[in-house]
Amino acid sequence: MAKYNSLIPGVEIENIAEDFKNALKIEQYRLGKQALYFPAGLRWAYLPLSAIESVEGTHRSVTAGHCVTVTEHKPAVEFKTAAGSFQFNLEKPANLQKVLDAIGK
């Protein structure tokens, strides 16, 4: 079983172990020169940067509480590819900007 699985079938990257090893850690994600990695059970899934057509910063609402509802707005990044859209949720707004700057599409 592969340690890294691509989100886009048929789009694989070379030297994936080296790219992952040198990737920048941003919360639970890893951002390499060739792919964005995220945990998927005991393995890592990845979104090849070459497959990304556009990237956009967005926000999501997180609601919690039983008696008194509290809504927080948390940052997220939406990636659009030929295979569909993917949204990665973040906790800190500064990390949203790090991802957008690093990918730059």
N, C-alpha and C. Protein backbone atom coordinates (compact mmCIF):
# COMPACT_ATOMS: atom_id res chain seq x y z
N MET A 1 0.85 -1.18 0.00
CA MET A 1 0.00 0.00 0.00
C MET A 1 0.90 1.25 0.00
N ALA A 2 0.56 2.20 -0.83
CA ALA A 2 1.36 3.41 -0.95
C ALA A 2 1.23 4.29 0.29
N LYS A 3 2.33 4.95 0.62
CA LYS A 3 2.31 5.86 1.77
C LYS A 3 1.67 7.19 1.39
N TYR A 4 1.73 7.54 0.09
CA TYR A 4 1.17 8.80 -0.41
C TYR A 4 0.19 8.48 -1.53
N ASN A 5 -0.99 9.06 -1.47
CA ASN A 5 -2.01 8.83 -2.49
C ASN A 5 -2.46 10.15 -3.09
N SER A 6 -2.48 10.22 -4.41
CA SER A 6 -2.88 11.44 -5.10
C SER A 6 -4.40 11.61 -5.09
N LEU A 7 -4.86 12.84 -4.89
CA LEU A 7 -6.29 13.14 -4.96
C LEU A 7 -6.77 13.16 -6.41
N ILE A 8 -5.84 13.39 -7.34
CA ILE A 8 -6.18 13.46 -8.76
C ILE A 8 -5.67 12.18 -9.42
N PRO A 9 -6.56 11.25 -9.76
CA PRO A 9 -6.13 9.99 -10.37
C PRO A 9 -5.32 10.25 -11.66
N GLY A 10 -4.21 9.56 -11.77
CA GLY A 10 -3.37 9.68 -12.96
C GLY A 10 -2.35 10.81 -12.91
N VAL A 11 -2.42 11.66 -11.89
CA VAL A 11 -1.45 12.75 -11.75
C VAL A 11 -0.56 12.41 -10.55
N GLU A 12 0.60 11.90 -10.86
CA GLU A 12 1.56 11.51 -9.84
C GLU A 12 2.75 12.46 -9.91
N ILE A 13 3.53 12.55 -8.84
CA ILE A 13 4.73 13.37 -8.85
C ILE A 13 5.95 12.50 -8.58
N GLU A 14 7.10 12.94 -9.07
CA GLU A 14 8.34 12.22 -8.86
C GLU A 14 8.99 12.67 -7.56
N ASN A 15 9.81 11.80 -7.01
CA ASN A 15 10.54 12.09 -5.77
C ASN A 15 9.62 12.59 -4.65
N ILE A 16 8.52 11.91 -4.49
CA ILE A 16 7.51 12.35 -3.53
C ILE A 16 8.02 12.32 -2.09
N ALA A 17 8.81 11.32 -1.74
CA ALA A 17 9.33 11.22 -0.37
C ALA A 17 10.22 12.42 -0.06
N GLU A 18 11.05 12.83 -1.01
CA GLU A 18 11.93 13.98 -0.82
C GLU A 18 11.12 15.27 -0.71
N ASP A 19 10.10 15.41 -1.55
CA ASP A 19 9.26 16.61 -1.51
C ASP A 19 8.54 16.71 -0.17
N PHE A 20 8.02 15.58 0.31
CA PHE A 20 7.33 15.57 1.59
C PHE A 20 8.28 15.90 2.74
N LYS A 21 9.48 15.33 2.68
CA LYS A 21 10.47 15.54 3.74
C LYS A 21 10.84 17.02 3.88
N ASN A 22 10.92 17.73 2.77
CA ASN A 22 11.30 19.15 2.78
C ASN A 22 10.11 20.11 2.81
N ALA A 23 8.92 19.58 2.96
CA ALA A 23 7.70 20.40 2.92
C ALA A 23 7.56 21.28 4.16
N LEU A 24 6.97 22.44 3.96
CA LEU A 24 6.68 23.39 5.02
C LEU A 24 5.44 22.92 5.78
N LYS A 25 5.53 22.87 7.11
CA LYS A 25 4.40 22.45 7.93
C LYS A 25 3.50 23.66 8.18
N ILE A 26 2.23 23.51 7.78
CA ILE A 26 1.22 24.54 8.03
C ILE A 26 0.03 23.83 8.67
N GLU A 27 -0.08 23.97 9.98
CA GLU A 27 -1.08 23.27 10.78
C GLU A 27 -0.98 21.78 10.52
N GLN A 28 -2.06 21.11 10.12
CA GLN A 28 -1.99 19.66 9.90
C GLN A 28 -1.52 19.32 8.49
N TYR A 29 -1.30 20.31 7.65
CA TYR A 29 -0.91 20.11 6.26
C TYR A 29 0.60 20.25 6.08
N ARG A 30 1.09 19.79 4.95
CA ARG A 30 2.48 19.98 4.54
C ARG A 30 2.45 20.55 3.13
N LEU A 31 3.20 21.60 2.88
CA LEU A 31 3.24 22.23 1.57
C LEU A 31 4.64 22.08 0.99
N GLY A 32 4.74 21.22 -0.02
CA GLY A 32 6.01 20.98 -0.69
C GLY A 32 6.11 21.81 -1.96
N LYS A 33 7.19 21.61 -2.70
CA LYS A 33 7.38 22.32 -3.96
C LYS A 33 6.52 21.74 -5.07
N GLN A 34 6.08 20.47 -4.88
CA GLN A 34 5.30 19.80 -5.92
C GLN A 34 3.86 19.48 -5.51
N ALA A 35 3.58 19.48 -4.21
CA ALA A 35 2.25 19.05 -3.78
C ALA A 35 1.89 19.60 -2.40
N LEU A 36 0.60 19.59 -2.12
CA LEU A 36 0.06 19.92 -0.80
C LEU A 36 -0.39 18.60 -0.19
N TYR A 37 0.14 18.27 0.97
CA TYR A 37 -0.13 16.98 1.62
C TYR A 37 -1.05 17.18 2.81
N PHE A 38 -1.91 16.20 3.03
CA PHE A 38 -2.75 16.23 4.23
C PHE A 38 -2.95 14.82 4.75
N PRO A 39 -3.13 14.68 6.06
CA PRO A 39 -3.25 13.35 6.66
C PRO A 39 -4.52 12.65 6.21
N ALA A 40 -4.37 11.36 5.92
CA ALA A 40 -5.51 10.53 5.51
C ALA A 40 -5.34 9.17 6.20
N GLY A 41 -5.75 9.11 7.45
CA GLY A 41 -5.56 7.89 8.23
C GLY A 41 -4.09 7.70 8.57
N LEU A 42 -3.55 6.53 8.25
CA LEU A 42 -2.15 6.25 8.52
C LEU A 42 -1.25 6.65 7.35
N ARG A 43 -1.82 7.19 6.30
CA ARG A 43 -1.06 7.61 5.12
C ARG A 43 -1.25 9.11 4.92
N TRP A 44 -0.67 9.60 3.85
CA TRP A 44 -0.84 11.00 3.45
C TRP A 44 -1.43 11.03 2.05
N ALA A 45 -2.41 11.89 1.86
CA ALA A 45 -2.95 12.14 0.52
C ALA A 45 -2.33 13.45 0.06
N TYR A 46 -2.26 13.64 -1.25
CA TYR A 46 -1.68 14.88 -1.74
C TYR A 46 -2.42 15.41 -2.95
N LEU A 47 -2.36 16.73 -3.09
CA LEU A 47 -2.92 17.44 -4.22
C LEU A 47 -1.73 18.02 -4.98
N PRO A 48 -1.43 17.49 -6.18
CA PRO A 48 -0.30 18.02 -6.95
C PRO A 48 -0.52 19.49 -7.30
N LEU A 49 0.48 20.31 -7.06
CA LEU A 49 0.34 21.73 -7.36
C LEU A 49 0.13 21.97 -8.85
N SER A 50 0.67 21.09 -9.70
CA SER A 50 0.50 21.23 -11.15
C SER A 50 -0.95 21.04 -11.58
N ALA A 51 -1.76 20.37 -10.77
CA ALA A 51 -3.16 20.13 -11.10
C ALA A 51 -4.09 21.28 -10.68
N ILE A 52 -3.57 22.21 -9.89
CA ILE A 52 -4.39 23.31 -9.39
C ILE A 52 -4.56 24.36 -10.47
N GLU A 53 -5.80 24.65 -10.80
CA GLU A 53 -6.11 25.68 -11.79
C GLU A 53 -6.28 27.05 -11.14
N SER A 54 -6.89 27.07 -9.96
CA SER A 54 -7.04 28.32 -9.21
C SER A 54 -7.14 28.02 -7.73
N VAL A 55 -6.78 29.01 -6.94
CA VAL A 55 -6.83 28.88 -5.49
C VAL A 55 -7.45 30.16 -4.94
N GLU A 56 -8.29 30.01 -3.93
CA GLU A 56 -8.99 31.16 -3.38
C GLU A 56 -9.12 31.02 -1.87
N GLY A 57 -8.84 32.09 -1.17
CA GLY A 57 -9.05 32.11 0.27
C GLY A 57 -10.52 32.35 0.55
N THR A 58 -11.04 31.64 1.51
CA THR A 58 -12.45 31.78 1.88
C THR A 58 -12.57 31.58 3.39
N HIS A 59 -13.77 31.62 3.89
CA HIS A 59 -14.01 31.39 5.31
C HIS A 59 -15.18 30.45 5.46
N ARG A 60 -15.19 29.74 6.56
CA ARG A 60 -16.30 28.85 6.87
C ARG A 60 -16.81 29.23 8.25
N SER A 61 -18.05 28.94 8.52
CA SER A 61 -18.64 29.21 9.82
C SER A 61 -18.66 27.93 10.64
N VAL A 62 -18.19 28.04 11.86
CA VAL A 62 -18.18 26.91 12.78
C VAL A 62 -19.11 27.28 13.93
N THR A 63 -20.14 26.46 14.12
CA THR A 63 -21.12 26.72 15.16
C THR A 63 -20.96 25.68 16.27
N ALA A 64 -20.95 26.15 17.50
CA ALA A 64 -20.80 25.26 18.65
C ALA A 64 -21.70 25.75 19.78
N GLY A 65 -21.94 24.89 20.71
CA GLY A 65 -22.74 25.26 21.88
C GLY A 65 -24.10 24.59 21.84
N HIS A 66 -24.65 24.39 23.03
CA HIS A 66 -25.96 23.75 23.12
C HIS A 66 -27.03 24.78 23.46
N CYS A 67 -26.87 25.46 24.56
CA CYS A 67 -27.86 26.44 24.98
C CYS A 67 -27.63 27.79 24.29
N VAL A 68 -26.40 28.19 24.26
CA VAL A 68 -26.03 29.44 23.61
C VAL A 68 -25.15 29.10 22.42
N THR A 69 -25.64 29.40 21.24
CA THR A 69 -24.89 29.08 20.03
C THR A 69 -23.83 30.14 19.77
N VAL A 70 -22.63 29.68 19.51
CA VAL A 70 -21.51 30.57 19.20
C VAL A 70 -21.04 30.23 17.79
N THR A 71 -20.94 31.24 16.95
CA THR A 71 -20.48 31.03 15.59
C THR A 71 -19.15 31.74 15.40
N GLU A 72 -18.17 30.98 14.90
CA GLU A 72 -16.86 31.54 14.60
C GLU A 72 -16.62 31.43 13.10
N HIS A 73 -15.88 32.38 12.57
CA HIS A 73 -15.49 32.32 11.16
C HIS A 73 -14.03 31.90 11.10
N LYS A 74 -13.79 30.77 10.46
CA LYS A 74 -12.45 30.20 10.34
C LYS A 74 -12.01 30.26 8.89
N PRO A 75 -10.71 30.44 8.65
CA PRO A 75 -10.21 30.49 7.28
C PRO A 75 -10.20 29.11 6.61
N ALA A 76 -10.29 29.14 5.30
CA ALA A 76 -10.21 27.93 4.49
C ALA A 76 -9.60 28.30 3.15
N VAL A 77 -9.09 27.29 2.46
CA VAL A 77 -8.53 27.50 1.12
C VAL A 77 -9.27 26.58 0.17
N GLU A 78 -9.78 27.14 -0.92
CA GLU A 78 -10.48 26.34 -1.92
C GLU A 78 -9.60 26.22 -3.16
N PHE A 79 -9.33 24.97 -3.54
CA PHE A 79 -8.52 24.68 -4.72
C PHE A 79 -9.44 24.14 -5.80
N LYS A 80 -9.32 24.68 -7.01
CA LYS A 80 -10.10 24.19 -8.15
C LYS A 80 -9.17 23.48 -9.11
N THR A 81 -9.56 22.26 -9.49
CA THR A 81 -8.80 21.45 -10.43
C THR A 81 -9.75 20.95 -11.51
N ALA A 82 -9.21 20.30 -12.52
CA ALA A 82 -10.05 19.71 -13.57
C ALA A 82 -10.92 18.59 -13.00
N ALA A 83 -10.46 17.96 -11.91
CA ALA A 83 -11.19 16.86 -11.29
C ALA A 83 -12.23 17.33 -10.27
N GLY A 84 -12.28 18.62 -9.97
CA GLY A 84 -13.24 19.14 -9.00
C GLY A 84 -12.60 20.12 -8.04
N SER A 85 -13.36 20.50 -7.03
CA SER A 85 -12.88 21.46 -6.03
C SER A 85 -12.56 20.74 -4.73
N PHE A 86 -11.57 21.27 -4.02
CA PHE A 86 -11.17 20.75 -2.73
C PHE A 86 -11.04 21.91 -1.77
N GLN A 87 -11.55 21.76 -0.56
CA GLN A 87 -11.43 22.81 0.46
C GLN A 87 -10.64 22.27 1.63
N PHE A 88 -9.60 23.01 2.02
CA PHE A 88 -8.79 22.66 3.17
C PHE A 88 -9.05 23.68 4.25
N ASN A 89 -9.46 23.20 5.42
CA ASN A 89 -9.81 24.07 6.53
C ASN A 89 -8.58 24.38 7.38
N LEU A 90 -8.47 25.63 7.78
CA LEU A 90 -7.37 26.09 8.62
C LEU A 90 -7.93 26.69 9.90
N GLU A 91 -7.05 26.93 10.86
CA GLU A 91 -7.45 27.53 12.12
C GLU A 91 -7.03 29.00 12.23
N LYS A 92 -5.88 29.35 11.64
CA LYS A 92 -5.33 30.70 11.81
C LYS A 92 -5.34 31.47 10.49
N PRO A 93 -5.82 32.71 10.51
CA PRO A 93 -5.82 33.53 9.29
C PRO A 93 -4.43 33.73 8.69
N ALA A 94 -3.40 33.80 9.52
CA ALA A 94 -2.03 33.99 9.01
C ALA A 94 -1.61 32.79 8.15
N ASN A 95 -2.08 31.61 8.48
CA ASN A 95 -1.74 30.42 7.71
C ASN A 95 -2.44 30.41 6.35
N LEU A 96 -3.61 31.02 6.29
CA LEU A 96 -4.30 31.17 5.01
C LEU A 96 -3.43 31.96 4.05
N GLN A 97 -2.88 33.05 4.53
CA GLN A 97 -2.04 33.89 3.68
C GLN A 97 -0.75 33.16 3.29
N LYS A 98 -0.19 32.36 4.18
CA LYS A 98 1.01 31.58 3.86
C LYS A 98 0.75 30.64 2.68
N VAL A 99 -0.39 29.96 2.71
CA VAL A 99 -0.74 29.03 1.63
C VAL A 99 -0.94 29.79 0.32
N LEU A 100 -1.68 30.88 0.37
CA LEU A 100 -1.94 31.66 -0.84
C LEU A 100 -0.64 32.20 -1.44
N ASP A 101 0.25 32.70 -0.59
CA ASP A 101 1.53 33.24 -1.08
C ASP A 101 2.41 32.14 -1.67
N ALA A 102 2.43 30.99 -1.04
CA ALA A 102 3.30 29.90 -1.51
C ALA A 102 2.83 29.32 -2.83
N ILE A 103 1.52 29.21 -3.03
CA ILE A 103 1.01 28.63 -4.26
C ILE A 103 0.95 29.68 -5.37
N GLY A 104 0.49 30.87 -5.03
CA GLY A 104 0.53 31.99 -5.95
C GLY A 104 -0.19 31.82 -7.27
N LYS A 105 -1.33 31.17 -7.31
CA LYS A 105 -2.11 31.05 -8.56
C LYS A 105 -3.31 31.94 -8.50
